[in-house]
Amino acid sequence: MDEEVRKRQAMVFQRPVLLRRSVAANIRFVLKLRGVDTPERTMEVLEYVGLAAQARQPARLLSGGEQQRAAIARALAHQPALLLADEPTGNLDEDTGDRVIELLTGLARRQGTTLLLVTHSSRVAQAADRVLRLSHGQVIPVPMP
């Protein structure tokens, strides 16, 4: 894959994958790789996802929902053109899942990021601008109300 294309993508997994570092250091890691590491950008995304108060806390000590929000902040910190999200609410309770979807869709829209989200939840799919269903190997567009 072309390196420039890869740099403009990010991924959020069903189970958050965080580094054994502080919450802020997880964000700074990605920003450093992209050459845009600033303390202001780190705090901006942590404030947006509601984790500014936990910036110095080890990421592994966060709750499941907080870890997912940290993973989202890290994925969107460098403002990728495309964000791939694989079942980002799969391990979360309904309320926390709703909050995660709000964060993903809100931040993606705010930054102009295209969000491609895979889910089994029709509730989660309702937040989308466009829905495609995969059935027996066929891609089927779902009419939107």
N, C-alpha and C. Protein backbone atom coordinates (compact mmCIF):
# COMPACT_ATOMS: atom_id res chain seq x y z
N MET A 1 0.85 -1.17 0.00
CA MET A 1 0.00 0.00 0.00
C MET A 1 0.90 1.24 0.00
N ASP A 2 0.52 2.23 -0.75
CA ASP A 2 1.26 3.48 -0.82
C ASP A 2 1.36 4.11 0.57
N GLU A 3 2.57 4.51 0.95
CA GLU A 3 2.81 5.06 2.30
C GLU A 3 1.98 6.30 2.58
N GLU A 4 1.81 7.17 1.61
CA GLU A 4 1.02 8.39 1.82
C GLU A 4 -0.45 8.07 2.06
N VAL A 5 -0.97 7.07 1.39
CA VAL A 5 -2.35 6.65 1.59
C VAL A 5 -2.50 6.07 3.00
N ARG A 6 -1.56 5.25 3.41
CA ARG A 6 -1.60 4.63 4.73
C ARG A 6 -1.56 5.67 5.84
N LYS A 7 -0.80 6.72 5.66
CA LYS A 7 -0.69 7.77 6.67
C LYS A 7 -1.99 8.54 6.86
N ARG A 8 -2.87 8.49 5.88
CA ARG A 8 -4.12 9.24 5.96
C ARG A 8 -5.27 8.38 6.48
N GLN A 9 -4.94 7.22 7.04
CA GLN A 9 -5.94 6.31 7.58
C GLN A 9 -5.70 6.08 9.07
N ALA A 10 -6.78 5.67 9.74
CA ALA A 10 -6.67 5.28 11.15
C ALA A 10 -7.69 4.17 11.39
N MET A 11 -7.50 3.45 12.51
CA MET A 11 -8.36 2.31 12.81
C MET A 11 -8.72 2.30 14.29
N VAL A 12 -9.98 1.96 14.56
CA VAL A 12 -10.45 1.73 15.92
C VAL A 12 -11.01 0.30 15.94
N PHE A 13 -10.51 -0.50 16.88
CA PHE A 13 -10.89 -1.90 16.96
C PHE A 13 -12.00 -2.12 17.99
N GLN A 14 -12.61 -3.30 17.95
CA GLN A 14 -13.65 -3.64 18.92
C GLN A 14 -13.10 -3.60 20.33
N ARG A 15 -11.94 -4.16 20.53
CA ARG A 15 -11.27 -4.10 21.83
C ARG A 15 -10.15 -3.08 21.69
N PRO A 16 -10.17 -2.04 22.49
CA PRO A 16 -9.16 -0.99 22.35
C PRO A 16 -7.74 -1.54 22.47
N VAL A 17 -6.89 -1.07 21.58
CA VAL A 17 -5.48 -1.44 21.61
C VAL A 17 -4.71 -0.18 22.00
N LEU A 18 -4.25 -0.14 23.24
CA LEU A 18 -3.54 1.03 23.76
C LEU A 18 -2.14 0.63 24.19
N LEU A 19 -1.24 1.59 24.11
CA LEU A 19 0.13 1.36 24.55
C LEU A 19 0.20 1.38 26.07
N ARG A 20 1.19 0.74 26.63
CA ARG A 20 1.39 0.73 28.09
C ARG A 20 2.05 2.04 28.51
N ARG A 21 1.30 3.10 28.33
CA ARG A 21 1.75 4.45 28.64
C ARG A 21 0.57 5.22 29.19
N SER A 22 0.79 6.48 29.48
CA SER A 22 -0.32 7.32 29.94
C SER A 22 -1.28 7.55 28.78
N VAL A 23 -2.45 8.04 29.11
CA VAL A 23 -3.46 8.34 28.10
C VAL A 23 -2.89 9.37 27.11
N ALA A 24 -2.29 10.45 27.64
CA ALA A 24 -1.72 11.49 26.78
C ALA A 24 -0.59 10.94 25.92
N ALA A 25 0.24 10.06 26.47
CA ALA A 25 1.36 9.50 25.70
C ALA A 25 0.86 8.64 24.55
N ASN A 26 -0.30 8.00 24.69
CA ASN A 26 -0.90 7.26 23.59
C ASN A 26 -1.24 8.19 22.42
N ILE A 27 -1.74 9.37 22.73
CA ILE A 27 -2.09 10.35 21.69
C ILE A 27 -0.80 10.90 21.07
N ARG A 28 0.14 11.30 21.93
CA ARG A 28 1.39 11.89 21.43
C ARG A 28 2.17 10.93 20.54
N PHE A 29 2.08 9.63 20.82
CA PHE A 29 2.78 8.63 20.01
C PHE A 29 2.40 8.76 18.54
N VAL A 30 1.10 8.82 18.26
CA VAL A 30 0.62 8.92 16.89
C VAL A 30 0.99 10.28 16.30
N LEU A 31 0.83 11.33 17.08
CA LEU A 31 1.16 12.67 16.58
C LEU A 31 2.65 12.78 16.24
N LYS A 32 3.51 12.17 17.04
CA LYS A 32 4.95 12.19 16.74
C LYS A 32 5.23 11.46 15.44
N LEU A 33 4.57 10.31 15.23
CA LEU A 33 4.76 9.57 13.98
C LEU A 33 4.38 10.41 12.77
N ARG A 34 3.39 11.26 12.94
CA ARG A 34 2.89 12.09 11.85
C ARG A 34 3.59 13.45 11.77
N GLY A 35 4.49 13.72 12.72
CA GLY A 35 5.24 14.97 12.71
C GLY A 35 4.44 16.19 13.12
N VAL A 36 3.37 15.97 13.89
CA VAL A 36 2.52 17.10 14.31
C VAL A 36 2.30 17.09 15.82
N ASP A 37 3.27 16.63 16.57
CA ASP A 37 3.13 16.50 18.02
C ASP A 37 3.14 17.85 18.72
N THR A 38 2.00 18.22 19.26
CA THR A 38 1.91 19.42 20.08
C THR A 38 1.08 19.10 21.32
N PRO A 39 1.45 19.64 22.47
CA PRO A 39 0.65 19.40 23.67
C PRO A 39 -0.78 19.92 23.51
N GLU A 40 -0.94 20.99 22.73
CA GLU A 40 -2.27 21.57 22.53
C GLU A 40 -3.18 20.60 21.79
N ARG A 41 -2.68 19.94 20.76
CA ARG A 41 -3.51 18.99 20.01
C ARG A 41 -3.86 17.79 20.87
N THR A 42 -2.90 17.31 21.65
CA THR A 42 -3.16 16.19 22.55
C THR A 42 -4.30 16.53 23.50
N MET A 43 -4.23 17.68 24.14
CA MET A 43 -5.27 18.06 25.10
C MET A 43 -6.59 18.37 24.41
N GLU A 44 -6.54 18.90 23.20
CA GLU A 44 -7.77 19.18 22.45
C GLU A 44 -8.58 17.90 22.23
N VAL A 45 -7.92 16.84 21.76
CA VAL A 45 -8.67 15.61 21.49
C VAL A 45 -9.08 14.92 22.79
N LEU A 46 -8.25 15.01 23.84
CA LEU A 46 -8.63 14.41 25.12
C LEU A 46 -9.81 15.16 25.74
N GLU A 47 -9.84 16.46 25.60
CA GLU A 47 -11.00 17.22 26.09
C GLU A 47 -12.26 16.85 25.32
N TYR A 48 -12.13 16.69 24.00
CA TYR A 48 -13.29 16.35 23.18
C TYR A 48 -13.91 15.02 23.59
N VAL A 49 -13.06 14.04 23.92
CA VAL A 49 -13.59 12.72 24.30
C VAL A 49 -13.83 12.60 25.81
N GLY A 50 -13.60 13.68 26.55
CA GLY A 50 -13.89 13.69 27.98
C GLY A 50 -12.84 13.01 28.83
N LEU A 51 -11.60 12.99 28.39
CA LEU A 51 -10.54 12.32 29.14
C LEU A 51 -9.40 13.24 29.55
N ALA A 52 -9.58 14.53 29.48
CA ALA A 52 -8.50 15.46 29.83
C ALA A 52 -8.03 15.25 31.27
N ALA A 53 -8.96 14.97 32.17
CA ALA A 53 -8.59 14.77 33.58
C ALA A 53 -7.77 13.50 33.78
N GLN A 54 -7.84 12.56 32.86
CA GLN A 54 -7.11 11.30 32.97
C GLN A 54 -5.84 11.30 32.11
N ALA A 55 -5.41 12.43 31.60
CA ALA A 55 -4.28 12.51 30.67
C ALA A 55 -3.02 11.82 31.18
N ARG A 56 -2.72 11.95 32.48
CA ARG A 56 -1.48 11.38 33.03
C ARG A 56 -1.68 9.97 33.59
N GLN A 57 -2.91 9.50 33.59
CA GLN A 57 -3.21 8.17 34.13
C GLN A 57 -2.76 7.10 33.15
N PRO A 58 -2.27 5.96 33.64
CA PRO A 58 -1.95 4.85 32.74
C PRO A 58 -3.21 4.41 31.98
N ALA A 59 -3.10 4.28 30.67
CA ALA A 59 -4.26 3.93 29.84
C ALA A 59 -4.88 2.60 30.26
N ARG A 60 -4.08 1.67 30.74
CA ARG A 60 -4.60 0.35 31.11
C ARG A 60 -5.50 0.39 32.34
N LEU A 61 -5.48 1.49 33.10
CA LEU A 61 -6.33 1.61 34.28
C LEU A 61 -7.69 2.23 33.99
N LEU A 62 -7.93 2.63 32.75
CA LEU A 62 -9.22 3.21 32.38
C LEU A 62 -10.28 2.11 32.29
N SER A 63 -11.54 2.50 32.43
CA SER A 63 -12.65 1.56 32.22
C SER A 63 -12.70 1.21 30.73
N GLY A 64 -13.51 0.21 30.38
CA GLY A 64 -13.63 -0.20 28.98
C GLY A 64 -14.09 0.92 28.07
N GLY A 65 -15.10 1.67 28.51
CA GLY A 65 -15.59 2.79 27.71
C GLY A 65 -14.57 3.89 27.59
N GLU A 66 -13.84 4.16 28.67
CA GLU A 66 -12.79 5.18 28.63
C GLU A 66 -11.65 4.75 27.71
N GLN A 67 -11.31 3.47 27.74
CA GLN A 67 -10.26 2.98 26.84
C GLN A 67 -10.68 3.14 25.39
N GLN A 68 -11.95 2.87 25.11
CA GLN A 68 -12.42 3.03 23.73
C GLN A 68 -12.38 4.50 23.32
N ARG A 69 -12.74 5.40 24.23
CA ARG A 69 -12.67 6.83 23.92
C ARG A 69 -11.22 7.27 23.71
N ALA A 70 -10.28 6.72 24.48
CA ALA A 70 -8.87 7.02 24.29
C ALA A 70 -8.39 6.53 22.92
N ALA A 71 -8.84 5.34 22.53
CA ALA A 71 -8.47 4.79 21.22
C ALA A 71 -9.03 5.66 20.10
N ILE A 72 -10.24 6.17 20.29
CA ILE A 72 -10.84 7.07 19.29
C ILE A 72 -10.04 8.36 19.21
N ALA A 73 -9.70 8.92 20.36
CA ALA A 73 -8.91 10.16 20.37
C ALA A 73 -7.58 9.95 19.65
N ARG A 74 -6.94 8.82 19.92
CA ARG A 74 -5.66 8.55 19.27
C ARG A 74 -5.83 8.39 17.77
N ALA A 75 -6.87 7.68 17.35
CA ALA A 75 -7.09 7.46 15.93
C ALA A 75 -7.39 8.75 15.18
N LEU A 76 -8.11 9.65 15.82
CA LEU A 76 -8.52 10.88 15.13
C LEU A 76 -7.60 12.06 15.38
N ALA A 77 -6.60 11.90 16.24
CA ALA A 77 -5.74 13.03 16.61
C ALA A 77 -5.03 13.65 15.42
N HIS A 78 -4.59 12.84 14.48
CA HIS A 78 -3.86 13.39 13.33
C HIS A 78 -4.78 13.71 12.15
N GLN A 79 -6.07 13.73 12.39
CA GLN A 79 -7.09 14.10 11.40
C GLN A 79 -6.97 13.29 10.11
N PRO A 80 -7.16 11.97 10.21
CA PRO A 80 -7.05 11.13 9.02
C PRO A 80 -8.19 11.40 8.04
N ALA A 81 -7.95 11.09 6.79
CA ALA A 81 -9.00 11.22 5.78
C ALA A 81 -10.03 10.09 5.92
N LEU A 82 -9.57 8.93 6.40
CA LEU A 82 -10.44 7.75 6.53
C LEU A 82 -10.23 7.10 7.89
N LEU A 83 -11.33 6.86 8.59
CA LEU A 83 -11.28 6.14 9.86
C LEU A 83 -12.07 4.85 9.70
N LEU A 84 -11.41 3.72 9.93
CA LEU A 84 -12.05 2.41 9.89
C LEU A 84 -12.36 2.00 11.32
N ALA A 85 -13.60 1.64 11.59
CA ALA A 85 -14.00 1.24 12.94
C ALA A 85 -14.66 -0.13 12.86
N ASP A 86 -14.04 -1.11 13.49
CA ASP A 86 -14.54 -2.48 13.48
C ASP A 86 -15.25 -2.78 14.79
N GLU A 87 -16.57 -2.79 14.77
CA GLU A 87 -17.39 -3.09 15.95
C GLU A 87 -16.94 -2.28 17.18
N PRO A 88 -16.85 -0.96 17.06
CA PRO A 88 -16.31 -0.16 18.18
C PRO A 88 -17.17 -0.15 19.43
N THR A 89 -18.41 -0.63 19.33
CA THR A 89 -19.29 -0.68 20.50
C THR A 89 -19.56 -2.10 20.97
N GLY A 90 -18.91 -3.07 20.35
CA GLY A 90 -19.19 -4.47 20.61
C GLY A 90 -19.02 -4.91 22.05
N ASN A 91 -18.08 -4.32 22.78
CA ASN A 91 -17.81 -4.72 24.16
C ASN A 91 -18.36 -3.74 25.18
N LEU A 92 -19.24 -2.86 24.76
CA LEU A 92 -19.71 -1.80 25.64
C LEU A 92 -21.19 -1.93 25.94
N ASP A 93 -21.61 -1.40 27.09
CA ASP A 93 -23.04 -1.37 27.37
C ASP A 93 -23.69 -0.35 26.43
N GLU A 94 -25.01 -0.38 26.35
CA GLU A 94 -25.74 0.43 25.38
C GLU A 94 -25.47 1.93 25.53
N ASP A 95 -25.51 2.44 26.75
CA ASP A 95 -25.29 3.88 26.95
C ASP A 95 -23.88 4.29 26.56
N THR A 96 -22.89 3.50 26.98
CA THR A 96 -21.51 3.80 26.63
C THR A 96 -21.31 3.67 25.13
N GLY A 97 -21.91 2.67 24.53
CA GLY A 97 -21.85 2.49 23.08
C GLY A 97 -22.42 3.68 22.34
N ASP A 98 -23.56 4.19 22.82
CA ASP A 98 -24.15 5.38 22.19
C ASP A 98 -23.21 6.57 22.27
N ARG A 99 -22.55 6.73 23.41
CA ARG A 99 -21.60 7.83 23.59
C ARG A 99 -20.41 7.67 22.64
N VAL A 100 -19.92 6.46 22.47
CA VAL A 100 -18.81 6.20 21.57
C VAL A 100 -19.20 6.53 20.12
N ILE A 101 -20.39 6.14 19.72
CA ILE A 101 -20.85 6.45 18.35
C ILE A 101 -20.99 7.95 18.16
N GLU A 102 -21.53 8.64 19.15
CA GLU A 102 -21.61 10.11 19.08
C GLU A 102 -20.23 10.73 18.91
N LEU A 103 -19.26 10.23 19.66
CA LEU A 103 -17.89 10.74 19.54
C LEU A 103 -17.32 10.48 18.15
N LEU A 104 -17.46 9.26 17.69
CA LEU A 104 -16.92 8.90 16.37
C LEU A 104 -17.54 9.75 15.27
N THR A 105 -18.86 9.80 15.23
CA THR A 105 -19.52 10.53 14.15
C THR A 105 -19.31 12.03 14.29
N GLY A 106 -19.36 12.55 15.50
CA GLY A 106 -19.19 13.98 15.71
C GLY A 106 -17.80 14.46 15.35
N LEU A 107 -16.79 13.76 15.84
CA LEU A 107 -15.42 14.17 15.57
C LEU A 107 -15.07 13.96 14.10
N ALA A 108 -15.54 12.87 13.52
CA ALA A 108 -15.27 12.61 12.10
C ALA A 108 -15.89 13.72 11.24
N ARG A 109 -17.13 14.10 11.54
CA ARG A 109 -17.77 15.18 10.77
C ARG A 109 -17.05 16.50 10.97
N ARG A 110 -16.69 16.77 12.21
CA ARG A 110 -16.02 18.03 12.55
C ARG A 110 -14.69 18.15 11.80
N GLN A 111 -13.98 17.04 11.64
CA GLN A 111 -12.68 17.04 10.98
C GLN A 111 -12.76 16.76 9.49
N GLY A 112 -13.92 16.38 9.00
CA GLY A 112 -14.04 16.02 7.59
C GLY A 112 -13.49 14.64 7.28
N THR A 113 -13.49 13.76 8.28
CA THR A 113 -12.99 12.40 8.13
C THR A 113 -14.13 11.49 7.66
N THR A 114 -13.85 10.64 6.68
CA THR A 114 -14.82 9.63 6.26
C THR A 114 -14.75 8.49 7.26
N LEU A 115 -15.90 8.09 7.79
CA LEU A 115 -15.97 7.01 8.77
C LEU A 115 -16.60 5.79 8.12
N LEU A 116 -15.86 4.68 8.12
CA LEU A 116 -16.37 3.39 7.64
C LEU A 116 -16.48 2.50 8.86
N LEU A 117 -17.70 2.20 9.26
CA LEU A 117 -17.95 1.49 10.51
C LEU A 117 -18.62 0.15 10.22
N VAL A 118 -18.07 -0.91 10.80
CA VAL A 118 -18.65 -2.24 10.68
C VAL A 118 -19.38 -2.52 11.99
N THR A 119 -20.63 -2.96 11.89
CA THR A 119 -21.41 -3.25 13.09
C THR A 119 -22.46 -4.31 12.80
N HIS A 120 -22.85 -5.01 13.85
CA HIS A 120 -23.99 -5.92 13.78
C HIS A 120 -25.23 -5.26 14.36
N SER A 121 -25.08 -4.08 14.90
CA SER A 121 -26.17 -3.40 15.59
C SER A 121 -26.94 -2.46 14.66
N SER A 122 -28.23 -2.72 14.50
CA SER A 122 -29.05 -1.82 13.68
C SER A 122 -29.17 -0.45 14.35
N ARG A 123 -29.12 -0.40 15.68
CA ARG A 123 -29.14 0.89 16.40
C ARG A 123 -27.94 1.74 16.02
N VAL A 124 -26.77 1.11 15.99
CA VAL A 124 -25.55 1.83 15.64
C VAL A 124 -25.61 2.28 14.18
N ALA A 125 -26.09 1.41 13.31
CA ALA A 125 -26.17 1.74 11.88
C ALA A 125 -27.09 2.93 11.60
N GLN A 126 -28.07 3.16 12.46
CA GLN A 126 -28.99 4.28 12.27
C GLN A 126 -28.30 5.63 12.32
N ALA A 127 -27.11 5.70 12.91
CA ALA A 127 -26.37 6.96 13.00
C ALA A 127 -25.67 7.30 11.69
N ALA A 128 -25.67 6.36 10.74
CA ALA A 128 -24.91 6.53 9.50
C ALA A 128 -25.66 7.36 8.46
N ASP A 129 -24.88 7.97 7.57
CA ASP A 129 -25.44 8.67 6.42
C ASP A 129 -25.81 7.68 5.32
N ARG A 130 -25.11 6.55 5.31
CA ARG A 130 -25.34 5.53 4.28
C ARG A 130 -25.07 4.17 4.92
N VAL A 131 -25.93 3.20 4.63
CA VAL A 131 -25.79 1.86 5.20
C VAL A 131 -25.76 0.84 4.07
N LEU A 132 -24.81 -0.07 4.17
CA LEU A 132 -24.72 -1.21 3.27
C LEU A 132 -24.79 -2.46 4.11
N ARG A 133 -25.52 -3.44 3.64
CA ARG A 133 -25.65 -4.71 4.36
C ARG A 133 -24.94 -5.78 3.54
N LEU A 134 -24.19 -6.61 4.25
CA LEU A 134 -23.53 -7.74 3.61
C LEU A 134 -24.35 -8.98 3.93
N SER A 135 -24.86 -9.62 2.90
CA SER A 135 -25.71 -10.80 3.08
C SER A 135 -25.30 -11.87 2.07
N HIS A 136 -24.81 -12.98 2.59
CA HIS A 136 -24.40 -14.10 1.74
C HIS A 136 -23.41 -13.66 0.67
N GLY A 137 -22.48 -12.80 1.06
CA GLY A 137 -21.45 -12.34 0.14
C GLY A 137 -21.86 -11.22 -0.79
N GLN A 138 -23.08 -10.77 -0.67
CA GLN A 138 -23.58 -9.68 -1.53
C GLN A 138 -23.69 -8.39 -0.74
N VAL A 139 -23.31 -7.27 -1.35
CA VAL A 139 -23.45 -5.96 -0.73
C VAL A 139 -24.80 -5.38 -1.17
N ILE A 140 -25.64 -5.06 -0.18
CA ILE A 140 -26.99 -4.58 -0.47
C ILE A 140 -27.17 -3.21 0.16
N PRO A 141 -27.41 -2.17 -0.67
CA PRO A 141 -27.69 -0.84 -0.09
C PRO A 141 -29.00 -0.88 0.69
N VAL A 142 -29.02 -0.22 1.83
CA VAL A 142 -30.21 -0.15 2.67
C VAL A 142 -30.83 1.23 2.48
N PRO A 143 -32.10 1.29 2.07
CA PRO A 143 -32.74 2.61 1.90
C PRO A 143 -32.79 3.36 3.24
N MET A 144 -32.47 4.62 3.19
CA MET A 144 -32.50 5.46 4.39
C MET A 144 -33.84 6.18 4.46
N PRO A 145 -34.40 6.31 5.68
CA PRO A 145 -35.71 6.99 5.82
C PRO A 145 -35.62 8.46 5.51
